[in-house]
């Protein structure tokens, strides 16, 4: 069994690298055959993952936060949504917002995460495939993804957000979470973002049907319960089945804001209302909207509208605690 570790020393404000010697020592003591590379940028995590997949390592491990995990995950798939190898993916989490790990029952503590990797129990999961614009292009206003010659391609395992969520991710990632912690830092960022955010109308195509969502604050297209930093949505999607949940936040005001917070932070089932609703879809397209164009996925801003979201053709084999 051959392991390949992709380590990000910059995760958790640079504290991640303190765990590297412990990880190496544990692997050596367990007489595990492993190689590793240390990233300088998140792009390195993707490139190293592609390289490790092509080299047919048995298990490729992301050591870092959600950004590292997402880039390593992307290295498992080609442009058609198909796996490029039979390698399994593992995680040793050293970040600040463990939504991926909580979603898929991967231990947060380093010792437990390594034990899980050694046990080598896995599940197969479908992931989201997202096509979008790499820049905010005024000529694309109200256009669909097919107007772009070479759209940007990314994969995600938890959730993509359009609207307020993308603005929130950029603000929360600017440094406030480092000082206030993940949940509190994101909550403070959410309050300040809502106070200045201007909702507008978005045109979406859901399961082939076009509609306009008026006064939209946020659109979440996801696979798992955890959206970001304590924000949760209970849904019925299973790891090995296709499809997404679609959660919309609309028509927010001073009076329904406390109710919204209670629902999205409790992670419990809720009844659809004018301001918060949950539905399901197999695919989703969102036309370009120059007022609020940005998209984030799995915790990081990633691109701009228009976009198309569908399910991967192949499943990812992920090592989890069972």
C-alpha atoms as a PDB file:
ATOM      1  CA  UNK A   1       0.000   0.000   0.000  1.00  0.00           C
ATOM      2  CA  UNK A   2       1.540   3.290  -1.158  1.00  0.00           C
ATOM      3  CA  UNK A   3       0.504   6.630   0.332  1.00  0.00           C
ATOM      4  CA  UNK A   4       1.178  10.089  -1.068  1.00  0.00           C
ATOM      5  CA  UNK A   5       0.835  13.076   1.282  1.00  0.00           C
ATOM      6  CA  UNK A   6       0.132  16.583  -0.049  1.00  0.00           C
ATOM      7  CA  UNK A   7       0.918  18.979   2.789  1.00  0.00           C
ATOM      8  CA  UNK A   8      -0.034  22.660   3.015  1.00  0.00           C
ATOM      9  CA  UNK A   9       2.163  24.486   5.574  1.00  0.00           C
ATOM     10  CA  UNK A  10       0.029  27.639   5.265  1.00  0.00           C
ATOM     11  CA  UNK A  11      -3.202  26.132   6.604  1.00  0.00           C
ATOM     12  CA  UNK A  12      -4.545  27.471   9.902  1.00  0.00           C
ATOM     13  CA  UNK A  13      -2.504  30.649   9.597  1.00  0.00           C
ATOM     14  CA  UNK A  14       0.752  28.737   9.142  1.00  0.00           C
ATOM     15  CA  UNK A  15       0.251  26.485  12.171  1.00  0.00           C
ATOM     16  CA  UNK A  16      -0.326  23.424   9.993  1.00  0.00           C
ATOM     17  CA  UNK A  17       3.395  22.746   9.479  1.00  0.00           C
ATOM     18  CA  UNK A  18       3.854  22.129  13.223  1.00  0.00           C
ATOM     19  CA  UNK A  19       2.044  18.815  12.774  1.00  0.00           C
ATOM     20  CA  UNK A  20       4.185  17.539   9.892  1.00  0.00           C
ATOM     21  CA  UNK A  21       6.924  15.883  11.974  1.00  0.00           C
ATOM     22  CA  UNK A  22       4.280  14.138  14.082  1.00  0.00           C
ATOM     23  CA  UNK A  23       2.584  12.844  10.930  1.00  0.00           C
ATOM     24  CA  UNK A  24       5.872  11.621   9.441  1.00  0.00           C
ATOM     25  CA  UNK A  25       6.856   9.949  12.713  1.00  0.00           C
ATOM     26  CA  UNK A  26       3.534   8.138  13.046  1.00  0.00           C
ATOM     27  CA  UNK A  27       3.720   6.877   9.460  1.00  0.00           C
ATOM     28  CA  UNK A  28       7.315   5.714   9.937  1.00  0.00           C
ATOM     29  CA  UNK A  29       6.525   3.968  13.235  1.00  0.00           C
ATOM     30  CA  UNK A  30       3.655   2.149  11.536  1.00  0.00           C
ATOM     31  CA  UNK A  31       6.065   1.173   8.720  1.00  0.00           C
ATOM     32  CA  UNK A  32       3.839   2.751   6.088  1.00  0.00           C
ATOM     33  CA  UNK A  33       5.287   3.257   2.617  1.00  0.00           C
ATOM     34  CA  UNK A  34       4.737   6.938   1.802  1.00  0.00           C
ATOM     35  CA  UNK A  35       6.022   9.844  -0.239  1.00  0.00           C
ATOM     36  CA  UNK A  36       5.115  13.497   0.164  1.00  0.00           C
ATOM     37  CA  UNK A  37       5.294  16.977  -1.306  1.00  0.00           C
ATOM     38  CA  UNK A  38       4.818  20.338   0.407  1.00  0.00           C
ATOM     39  CA  UNK A  39       2.784  22.994  -1.368  1.00  0.00           C
ATOM     40  CA  UNK A  40       3.648  26.638  -1.825  1.00  0.00           C
ATOM     41  CA  UNK A  41       0.264  27.526  -3.344  1.00  0.00           C
ATOM     42  CA  UNK A  42      -3.134  25.856  -3.548  1.00  0.00           C
ATOM     43  CA  UNK A  43      -2.475  25.311  -7.253  1.00  0.00           C
ATOM     44  CA  UNK A  44       0.388  23.054  -6.171  1.00  0.00           C
ATOM     45  CA  UNK A  45      -2.104  20.862  -4.279  1.00  0.00           C
ATOM     46  CA  UNK A  46      -4.016  20.280  -7.498  1.00  0.00           C
ATOM     47  CA  UNK A  47      -0.887  19.643  -9.581  1.00  0.00           C
ATOM     48  CA  UNK A  48       0.550  17.214  -7.001  1.00  0.00           C
ATOM     49  CA  UNK A  49      -2.778  15.369  -6.849  1.00  0.00           C
ATOM     50  CA  UNK A  50      -2.869  14.918 -10.632  1.00  0.00           C
ATOM     51  CA  UNK A  51       0.722  13.683 -10.539  1.00  0.00           C
ATOM     52  CA  UNK A  52      -0.013  11.224  -7.714  1.00  0.00           C
ATOM     53  CA  UNK A  53      -3.115   9.892  -9.475  1.00  0.00           C
ATOM     54  CA  UNK A  54      -1.171   9.304 -12.670  1.00  0.00           C
ATOM     55  CA  UNK A  55       1.545   7.576 -10.626  1.00  0.00           C
ATOM     56  CA  UNK A  56      -1.128   5.216  -9.272  1.00  0.00           C
ATOM     57  CA  UNK A  57      -0.582   5.717  -5.558  1.00  0.00           C
ATOM     58  CA  UNK A  58      -3.117   3.707  -3.570  1.00  0.00           C
ATOM     59  CA  UNK A  59      -4.090   6.543  -1.221  1.00  0.00           C
ATOM     60  CA  UNK A  60      -3.585  10.274  -1.817  1.00  0.00           C
ATOM     61  CA  UNK A  61      -3.890  12.347   1.356  1.00  0.00           C
ATOM     62  CA  UNK A  62      -4.722  16.048   1.653  1.00  0.00           C
ATOM     63  CA  UNK A  63      -3.031  17.538   4.734  1.00  0.00           C
ATOM     64  CA  UNK A  64      -4.494  21.005   5.220  1.00  0.00           C
ATOM     65  CA  UNK A  65      -7.785  22.900   5.299  1.00  0.00           C
ATOM     66  CA  UNK A  66     -10.827  22.986   3.044  1.00  0.00           C
ATOM     67  CA  UNK A  67      -8.927  24.777   0.250  1.00  0.00           C
ATOM     68  CA  UNK A  68      -6.251  22.079   0.204  1.00  0.00           C
ATOM     69  CA  UNK A  69      -8.874  19.330   0.322  1.00  0.00           C
ATOM     70  CA  UNK A  70     -10.794  20.810  -2.587  1.00  0.00           C
ATOM     71  CA  UNK A  71      -7.731  21.186  -4.799  1.00  0.00           C
ATOM     72  CA  UNK A  72      -6.554  17.654  -4.055  1.00  0.00           C
ATOM     73  CA  UNK A  73     -10.063  16.372  -4.814  1.00  0.00           C
ATOM     74  CA  UNK A  74     -10.042  18.181  -8.167  1.00  0.00           C
ATOM     75  CA  UNK A  75      -6.890  16.315  -9.129  1.00  0.00           C
ATOM     76  CA  UNK A  76      -8.822  13.031  -9.169  1.00  0.00           C
ATOM     77  CA  UNK A  77     -11.089  14.033 -12.098  1.00  0.00           C
ATOM     78  CA  UNK A  78     -10.739  14.942 -15.758  1.00  0.00           C
ATOM     79  CA  UNK A  79     -12.711  17.520 -17.747  1.00  0.00           C
ATOM     80  CA  UNK A  80     -15.541  15.036 -18.357  1.00  0.00           C
ATOM     81  CA  UNK A  81     -16.173  14.323 -14.689  1.00  0.00           C
ATOM     82  CA  UNK A  82     -14.423  10.961 -14.770  1.00  0.00           C
ATOM     83  CA  UNK A  83     -11.794   9.569 -12.426  1.00  0.00           C
ATOM     84  CA  UNK A  84      -8.262   9.457 -13.805  1.00  0.00           C
ATOM     85  CA  UNK A  85      -7.158   6.592 -11.531  1.00  0.00           C
ATOM     86  CA  UNK A  86      -8.353   4.051  -8.957  1.00  0.00           C
ATOM     87  CA  UNK A  87      -6.623   5.894  -6.109  1.00  0.00           C
ATOM     88  CA  UNK A  88      -8.499   6.603  -2.884  1.00  0.00           C
ATOM     89  CA  UNK A  89      -8.541  10.011  -1.213  1.00  0.00           C
ATOM     90  CA  UNK A  90      -7.778  10.587   2.461  1.00  0.00           C
ATOM     91  CA  UNK A  91      -7.623  13.654   4.719  1.00  0.00           C
ATOM     92  CA  UNK A  92      -5.577  14.786   7.693  1.00  0.00           C
ATOM     93  CA  UNK A  93      -7.241  18.034   8.675  1.00  0.00           C
ATOM     94  CA  UNK A  94      -5.097  20.976   9.793  1.00  0.00           C
ATOM     95  CA  UNK A  95      -7.382  23.899   8.880  1.00  0.00           C
ATOM     96  CA  UNK A  96      -9.926  26.148  10.606  1.00  0.00           C
ATOM     97  CA  UNK A  97     -13.333  25.140   9.198  1.00  0.00           C
ATOM     98  CA  UNK A  98     -13.771  21.338   9.014  1.00  0.00           C
ATOM     99  CA  UNK A  99     -17.021  21.225   7.010  1.00  0.00           C
ATOM    100  CA  UNK A 100     -15.722  18.536   4.648  1.00  0.00           C
ATOM    101  CA  UNK A 101     -14.605  16.302   7.519  1.00  0.00           C
ATOM    102  CA  UNK A 102     -17.873  16.738   9.431  1.00  0.00           C
ATOM    103  CA  UNK A 103     -19.824  15.996   6.271  1.00  0.00           C
ATOM    104  CA  UNK A 104     -18.091  12.680   5.639  1.00  0.00           C
ATOM    105  CA  UNK A 105     -17.214  11.473   9.153  1.00  0.00           C
ATOM    106  CA  UNK A 106     -13.469  12.059   8.957  1.00  0.00           C
ATOM    107  CA  UNK A 107     -11.790  12.620  12.360  1.00  0.00           C
ATOM    108  CA  UNK A 108     -10.468  16.111  13.084  1.00  0.00           C
ATOM    109  CA  UNK A 109      -7.731  15.021  15.502  1.00  0.00           C
ATOM    110  CA  UNK A 110      -4.480  14.078  13.769  1.00  0.00           C
ATOM    111  CA  UNK A 111      -3.960  10.748  15.578  1.00  0.00           C
ATOM    112  CA  UNK A 112      -7.496   9.585  14.806  1.00  0.00           C
ATOM    113  CA  UNK A 113      -7.225  10.742  11.194  1.00  0.00           C
ATOM    114  CA  UNK A 114      -4.032   8.728  10.690  1.00  0.00           C
ATOM    115  CA  UNK A 115      -5.604   5.663  12.312  1.00  0.00           C
ATOM    116  CA  UNK A 116      -8.531   6.025   9.917  1.00  0.00           C
ATOM    117  CA  UNK A 117      -6.132   6.142   6.957  1.00  0.00           C
ATOM    118  CA  UNK A 118      -4.384   2.996   8.150  1.00  0.00           C
ATOM    119  CA  UNK A 119      -7.712   1.176   8.613  1.00  0.00           C
ATOM    120  CA  UNK A 120      -8.463   2.068   4.974  1.00  0.00           C
ATOM    121  CA  UNK A 121     -12.280   1.888   5.130  1.00  0.00           C
ATOM    122  CA  UNK A 122     -13.912   3.890   2.373  1.00  0.00           C
ATOM    123  CA  UNK A 123     -17.183   5.090   0.886  1.00  0.00           C
ATOM    124  CA  UNK A 124     -18.002   6.144  -2.671  1.00  0.00           C
ATOM    125  CA  UNK A 125     -19.474   9.613  -3.131  1.00  0.00           C
ATOM    126  CA  UNK A 126     -20.762  11.634  -6.059  1.00  0.00           C
ATOM    127  CA  UNK A 127     -19.475  15.198  -6.195  1.00  0.00           C
ATOM    128  CA  UNK A 128     -20.571  18.379  -7.928  1.00  0.00           C
ATOM    129  CA  UNK A 129     -19.129  19.522 -11.249  1.00  0.00           C
ATOM    130  CA  UNK A 130     -19.199  23.301 -11.784  1.00  0.00           C
ATOM    131  CA  UNK A 131     -18.558  25.276 -14.966  1.00  0.00           C
ATOM    132  CA  UNK A 132     -18.300  29.051 -14.643  1.00  0.00           C
ATOM    133  CA  UNK A 133     -16.586  32.172 -15.929  1.00  0.00           C
ATOM    134  CA  UNK A 134     -13.073  32.918 -14.711  1.00  0.00           C
ATOM    135  CA  UNK A 135     -13.744  36.673 -14.787  1.00  0.00           C
ATOM    136  CA  UNK A 136     -16.604  39.129 -14.333  1.00  0.00           C
ATOM    137  CA  UNK A 137     -17.247  39.945 -17.989  1.00  0.00           C
ATOM    138  CA  UNK A 138     -19.809  42.691 -18.701  1.00  0.00           C
ATOM    139  CA  UNK A 139     -20.416  41.283 -22.192  1.00  0.00           C
ATOM    140  CA  UNK A 140     -21.874  38.124 -20.608  1.00  0.00           C
ATOM    141  CA  UNK A 141     -24.714  39.943 -18.832  1.00  0.00           C
ATOM    142  CA  UNK A 142     -27.796  37.688 -18.726  1.00  0.00           C
ATOM    143  CA  UNK A 143     -25.977  35.042 -20.797  1.00  0.00           C
ATOM    144  CA  UNK A 144     -25.618  31.324 -20.143  1.00  0.00           C
ATOM    145  CA  UNK A 145     -22.462  29.248 -19.789  1.00  0.00           C
ATOM    146  CA  UNK A 146     -22.515  28.260 -23.469  1.00  0.00           C
ATOM    147  CA  UNK A 147     -21.462  31.809 -24.422  1.00  0.00           C
ATOM    148  CA  UNK A 148     -18.038  31.109 -22.909  1.00  0.00           C
ATOM    149  CA  UNK A 149     -15.501  29.393 -25.171  1.00  0.00           C
ATOM    150  CA  UNK A 150     -13.402  27.871 -22.365  1.00  0.00           C
ATOM    151  CA  UNK A 151     -15.324  27.923 -19.089  1.00  0.00           C
ATOM    152  CA  UNK A 152     -13.520  27.304 -15.812  1.00  0.00           C
ATOM    153  CA  UNK A 153     -14.078  23.791 -14.423  1.00  0.00           C
ATOM    154  CA  UNK A 154     -14.081  22.903 -10.721  1.00  0.00           C
ATOM    155  CA  UNK A 155     -15.427  20.087  -8.554  1.00  0.00           C
ATOM    156  CA  UNK A 156     -16.893  20.384  -5.066  1.00  0.00           C
ATOM    157  CA  UNK A 157     -17.964  17.917  -2.399  1.00  0.00           C
ATOM    158  CA  UNK A 158     -20.116  19.987  -0.036  1.00  0.00           C
ATOM    159  CA  UNK A 159     -21.825  23.129  -1.327  1.00  0.00           C
ATOM    160  CA  UNK A 160     -21.623  25.998  -3.827  1.00  0.00           C
ATOM    161  CA  UNK A 161     -23.086  29.416  -3.039  1.00  0.00           C
ATOM    162  CA  UNK A 162     -24.157  32.222  -5.351  1.00  0.00           C
ATOM    163  CA  UNK A 163     -24.931  35.672  -4.007  1.00  0.00           C
ATOM    164  CA  UNK A 164     -24.422  36.624  -0.381  1.00  0.00           C
ATOM    165  CA  UNK A 165     -22.542  33.399   0.405  1.00  0.00           C
ATOM    166  CA  UNK A 166     -19.718  34.263  -1.990  1.00  0.00           C
ATOM    167  CA  UNK A 167     -19.373  37.754  -0.506  1.00  0.00           C
ATOM    168  CA  UNK A 168     -19.422  36.224   2.968  1.00  0.00           C
ATOM    169  CA  UNK A 169     -16.680  33.714   2.106  1.00  0.00           C
ATOM    170  CA  UNK A 170     -14.381  36.455   0.860  1.00  0.00           C
ATOM    171  CA  UNK A 171     -14.965  38.585   3.966  1.00  0.00           C
ATOM    172  CA  UNK A 172     -14.626  35.705   6.449  1.00  0.00           C
ATOM    173  CA  UNK A 173     -11.448  34.471   4.737  1.00  0.00           C
ATOM    174  CA  UNK A 174      -9.871  37.938   4.978  1.00  0.00           C
ATOM    175  CA  UNK A 175      -8.654  37.205   8.496  1.00  0.00           C
ATOM    176  CA  UNK A 176     -11.506  37.700  10.971  1.00  0.00           C
ATOM    177  CA  UNK A 177     -11.863  33.945  11.562  1.00  0.00           C
ATOM    178  CA  UNK A 178      -8.222  33.753  12.608  1.00  0.00           C
ATOM    179  CA  UNK A 179      -8.923  36.087  15.525  1.00  0.00           C
ATOM    180  CA  UNK A 180     -12.496  35.147  16.480  1.00  0.00           C
ATOM    181  CA  UNK A 181     -12.616  31.480  15.535  1.00  0.00           C
ATOM    182  CA  UNK A 182     -14.472  29.771  12.709  1.00  0.00           C
ATOM    183  CA  UNK A 183     -18.126  29.896  13.803  1.00  0.00           C
ATOM    184  CA  UNK A 184     -18.092  33.267  15.604  1.00  0.00           C
ATOM    185  CA  UNK A 185     -15.919  34.910  12.964  1.00  0.00           C
ATOM    186  CA  UNK A 186     -18.206  33.736  10.174  1.00  0.00           C
ATOM    187  CA  UNK A 187     -21.326  34.780  12.119  1.00  0.00           C
ATOM    188  CA  UNK A 188     -19.992  38.313  12.611  1.00  0.00           C
ATOM    189  CA  UNK A 189     -19.073  38.452   8.934  1.00  0.00           C
ATOM    190  CA  UNK A 190     -22.582  37.244   8.040  1.00  0.00           C
ATOM    191  CA  UNK A 191     -24.263  40.014  10.033  1.00  0.00           C
ATOM    192  CA  UNK A 192     -22.100  42.755   8.517  1.00  0.00           C
ATOM    193  CA  UNK A 193     -22.522  41.320   5.011  1.00  0.00           C
ATOM    194  CA  UNK A 194     -26.319  41.143   5.278  1.00  0.00           C
ATOM    195  CA  UNK A 195     -26.447  44.771   6.463  1.00  0.00           C
ATOM    196  CA  UNK A 196     -24.877  46.024   3.223  1.00  0.00           C
ATOM    197  CA  UNK A 197     -25.854  43.351   0.694  1.00  0.00           C
ATOM    198  CA  UNK A 198     -28.312  44.349  -2.046  1.00  0.00           C
ATOM    199  CA  UNK A 199     -30.543  41.503  -3.207  1.00  0.00           C
ATOM    200  CA  UNK A 200     -31.657  41.330  -6.842  1.00  0.00           C
ATOM    201  CA  UNK A 201     -33.286  39.034  -9.386  1.00  0.00           C
ATOM    202  CA  UNK A 202     -31.518  35.924 -10.727  1.00  0.00           C
ATOM    203  CA  UNK A 203     -32.509  33.802 -13.712  1.00  0.00           C
ATOM    204  CA  UNK A 204     -32.010  30.088 -13.133  1.00  0.00           C
ATOM    205  CA  UNK A 205     -32.641  26.951 -15.166  1.00  0.00           C
ATOM    206  CA  UNK A 206     -33.541  24.079 -12.860  1.00  0.00           C
ATOM    207  CA  UNK A 207     -34.051  20.600 -14.321  1.00  0.00           C
ATOM    208  CA  UNK A 208     -34.484  22.225 -17.732  1.00  0.00           C
ATOM    209  CA  UNK A 209     -37.081  24.824 -16.601  1.00  0.00           C
ATOM    210  CA  UNK A 210     -36.239  28.540 -16.566  1.00  0.00           C
ATOM    211  CA  UNK A 211     -37.498  30.807 -13.785  1.00  0.00           C
ATOM    212  CA  UNK A 212     -36.665  34.114 -12.127  1.00  0.00           C
ATOM    213  CA  UNK A 213     -35.943  34.234  -8.409  1.00  0.00           C
ATOM    214  CA  UNK A 214     -36.801  37.746  -7.297  1.00  0.00           C
ATOM    215  CA  UNK A 215     -35.057  39.558  -4.423  1.00  0.00           C
ATOM    216  CA  UNK A 216     -32.595  36.709  -4.006  1.00  0.00           C
ATOM    217  CA  UNK A 217     -29.994  36.968  -1.249  1.00  0.00           C
ATOM    218  CA  UNK A 218     -28.370  33.569  -1.630  1.00  0.00           C
ATOM    219  CA  UNK A 219     -28.608  30.367  -3.592  1.00  0.00           C
ATOM    220  CA  UNK A 220     -27.004  27.221  -2.112  1.00  0.00           C
ATOM    221  CA  UNK A 221     -26.551  24.142  -4.305  1.00  0.00           C
ATOM    222  CA  UNK A 222     -25.197  21.325  -2.183  1.00  0.00           C
ATOM    223  CA  UNK A 223     -24.677  17.685  -1.378  1.00  0.00           C
ATOM    224  CA  UNK A 224     -24.058  17.580   2.380  1.00  0.00           C
ATOM    225  CA  UNK A 225     -25.552  18.943   5.586  1.00  0.00           C
ATOM    226  CA  UNK A 226     -22.727  21.382   6.291  1.00  0.00           C
ATOM    227  CA  UNK A 227     -22.576  24.534   4.172  1.00  0.00           C
ATOM    228  CA  UNK A 228     -19.949  26.559   6.023  1.00  0.00           C
ATOM    229  CA  UNK A 229     -18.758  27.370   9.538  1.00  0.00           C
ATOM    230  CA  UNK A 230     -21.734  26.134  11.523  1.00  0.00           C
ATOM    231  CA  UNK A 231     -24.377  26.864   8.864  1.00  0.00           C
ATOM    232  CA  UNK A 232     -26.295  23.645   8.164  1.00  0.00           C
ATOM    233  CA  UNK A 233     -29.165  22.347   6.079  1.00  0.00           C
ATOM    234  CA  UNK A 234     -30.865  19.018   6.740  1.00  0.00           C
ATOM    235  CA  UNK A 235     -31.486  17.198   3.462  1.00  0.00           C
ATOM    236  CA  UNK A 236     -32.255  13.727   2.137  1.00  0.00           C
ATOM    237  CA  UNK A 237     -29.391  13.276  -0.349  1.00  0.00           C
ATOM    238  CA  UNK A 238     -27.222  10.203   0.199  1.00  0.00           C
ATOM    239  CA  UNK A 239     -23.518  10.018  -0.626  1.00  0.00           C
ATOM    240  CA  UNK A 240     -23.926   7.472  -3.423  1.00  0.00           C
ATOM    241  CA  UNK A 241     -26.955   8.977  -5.179  1.00  0.00           C
ATOM    242  CA  UNK A 242     -27.076  11.758  -7.736  1.00  0.00           C
ATOM    243  CA  UNK A 243     -28.658  15.169  -7.292  1.00  0.00           C
ATOM    244  CA  UNK A 244     -28.416  18.348  -5.222  1.00  0.00           C
ATOM    245  CA  UNK A 245     -30.473  20.228  -2.700  1.00  0.00           C
ATOM    246  CA  UNK A 246     -31.298  23.806  -3.603  1.00  0.00           C
ATOM    247  CA  UNK A 247     -31.738  26.241  -0.704  1.00  0.00           C
ATOM    248  CA  UNK A 248     -32.854  29.785  -1.480  1.00  0.00           C
ATOM    249  CA  UNK A 249     -32.799  32.807   0.828  1.00  0.00           C
ATOM    250  CA  UNK A 250     -35.055  35.619  -0.431  1.00  0.00           C
ATOM    251  CA  UNK A 251     -36.893  38.711   0.758  1.00  0.00           C
ATOM    252  CA  UNK A 252     -34.912  39.060   3.984  1.00  0.00           C
ATOM    253  CA  UNK A 253     -35.838  41.863   6.365  1.00  0.00           C
ATOM    254  CA  UNK A 254     -35.348  42.925   9.975  1.00  0.00           C
ATOM    255  CA  UNK A 255     -38.301  40.854  11.169  1.00  0.00           C
ATOM    256  CA  UNK A 256     -37.496  37.447   9.632  1.00  0.00           C
ATOM    257  CA  UNK A 257     -33.711  37.604  10.152  1.00  0.00           C
ATOM    258  CA  UNK A 258     -33.734  36.019  13.671  1.00  0.00           C
ATOM    259  CA  UNK A 259     -35.859  33.149  12.378  1.00  0.00           C
ATOM    260  CA  UNK A 260     -33.428  32.611   9.498  1.00  0.00           C
ATOM    261  CA  UNK A 261     -30.444  32.424  11.845  1.00  0.00           C
ATOM    262  CA  UNK A 262     -32.230  29.923  14.069  1.00  0.00           C
ATOM    263  CA  UNK A 263     -33.043  27.653  11.138  1.00  0.00           C
ATOM    264  CA  UNK A 264     -29.688  27.661   9.351  1.00  0.00           C
ATOM    265  CA  UNK A 265     -27.638  27.224  12.524  1.00  0.00           C
ATOM    266  CA  UNK A 266     -29.809  24.495  14.073  1.00  0.00           C
ATOM    267  CA  UNK A 267     -29.471  22.090  11.148  1.00  0.00           C
ATOM    268  CA  UNK A 268     -33.053  20.907  11.671  1.00  0.00           C
ATOM    269  CA  UNK A 269     -35.862  20.386   9.177  1.00  0.00           C
ATOM    270  CA  UNK A 270     -37.853  23.518   8.375  1.00  0.00           C
ATOM    271  CA  UNK A 271     -41.045  24.381   6.516  1.00  0.00           C
ATOM    272  CA  UNK A 272     -40.559  26.385   3.323  1.00  0.00           C
ATOM    273  CA  UNK A 273     -41.436  30.077   3.594  1.00  0.00           C
ATOM    274  CA  UNK A 274     -41.198  33.151   1.368  1.00  0.00           C
ATOM    275  CA  UNK A 275     -37.709  33.874   2.695  1.00  0.00           C
ATOM    276  CA  UNK A 276     -36.242  30.365   3.096  1.00  0.00           C
ATOM    277  CA  UNK A 277     -36.987  27.290   1.007  1.00  0.00           C
ATOM    278  CA  UNK A 278     -35.458  23.897   0.245  1.00  0.00           C
ATOM    279  CA  UNK A 279     -35.988  21.897  -2.938  1.00  0.00           C
ATOM    280  CA  UNK A 280     -34.080  19.327  -4.997  1.00  0.00           C
ATOM    281  CA  UNK A 281     -32.680  19.242  -8.523  1.00  0.00           C
ATOM    282  CA  UNK A 282     -30.472  17.123 -10.766  1.00  0.00           C
ATOM    283  CA  UNK A 283     -28.749  20.052 -12.456  1.00  0.00           C
ATOM    284  CA  UNK A 284     -28.715  23.831 -12.294  1.00  0.00           C
ATOM    285  CA  UNK A 285     -27.784  26.741 -14.540  1.00  0.00           C
ATOM    286  CA  UNK A 286     -27.615  30.378 -13.436  1.00  0.00           C
ATOM    287  CA  UNK A 287     -27.377  33.165 -15.990  1.00  0.00           C
ATOM    288  CA  UNK A 288     -24.822  35.939 -15.610  1.00  0.00           C
ATOM    289  CA  UNK A 289     -25.783  38.690 -13.181  1.00  0.00           C
ATOM    290  CA  UNK A 290     -23.427  41.658 -13.025  1.00  0.00           C
ATOM    291  CA  UNK A 291     -24.783  42.969  -9.709  1.00  0.00           C
ATOM    292  CA  UNK A 292     -23.840  39.867  -7.688  1.00  0.00           C
ATOM    293  CA  UNK A 293     -21.750  37.681  -9.994  1.00  0.00           C
ATOM    294  CA  UNK A 294     -19.395  35.800  -7.676  1.00  0.00           C
ATOM    295  CA  UNK A 295     -19.524  32.077  -6.850  1.00  0.00           C
ATOM    296  CA  UNK A 296     -17.928  30.264  -3.922  1.00  0.00           C
ATOM    297  CA  UNK A 297     -17.694  26.559  -3.264  1.00  0.00           C
ATOM    298  CA  UNK A 298     -16.522  24.552  -0.262  1.00  0.00           C
ATOM    299  CA  UNK A 299     -15.533  27.762   1.522  1.00  0.00           C
ATOM    300  CA  UNK A 300     -13.569  29.692  -1.119  1.00  0.00           C
ATOM    301  CA  UNK A 301     -14.498  32.165  -3.910  1.00  0.00           C
ATOM    302  CA  UNK A 302     -13.960  30.339  -7.194  1.00  0.00           C
ATOM    303  CA  UNK A 303     -15.321  32.284 -10.177  1.00  0.00           C
ATOM    304  CA  UNK A 304     -18.211  34.232 -11.674  1.00  0.00           C
ATOM    305  CA  UNK A 305     -21.574  33.765 -13.325  1.00  0.00           C
ATOM    306  CA  UNK A 306     -22.848  32.344 -15.600  1.00  0.00           C
ATOM    307  CA  UNK A 307     -22.489  28.822 -14.293  1.00  0.00           C
ATOM    308  CA  UNK A 308     -23.697  25.292 -14.801  1.00  0.00           C
ATOM    309  CA  UNK A 309     -23.727  22.714 -12.006  1.00  0.00           C
ATOM    310  CA  UNK A 310     -24.216  18.993 -12.516  1.00  0.00           C
ATOM    311  CA  UNK A 311     -23.118  15.751 -10.897  1.00  0.00           C
ATOM    312  CA  UNK A 312     -19.812  13.983 -11.631  1.00  0.00           C
ATOM    313  CA  UNK A 313     -19.922  10.955 -13.911  1.00  0.00           C
ATOM    314  CA  UNK A 314     -17.775   8.877 -11.557  1.00  0.00           C
ATOM    315  CA  UNK A 315     -17.734   8.578  -7.787  1.00  0.00           C
ATOM    316  CA  UNK A 316     -14.820   9.517  -5.558  1.00  0.00           C
ATOM    317  CA  UNK A 317     -13.599   6.810  -3.175  1.00  0.00           C
ATOM    318  CA  UNK A 318     -13.014   8.526   0.165  1.00  0.00           C
ATOM    319  CA  UNK A 319     -11.464   7.033   3.312  1.00  0.00           C
ATOM    320  CA  UNK A 320     -13.674   7.668   6.343  1.00  0.00           C
ATOM    321  CA  UNK A 321     -14.124   6.459   9.902  1.00  0.00           C
ATOM    322  CA  UNK A 322     -16.625   3.594  10.079  1.00  0.00           C
END
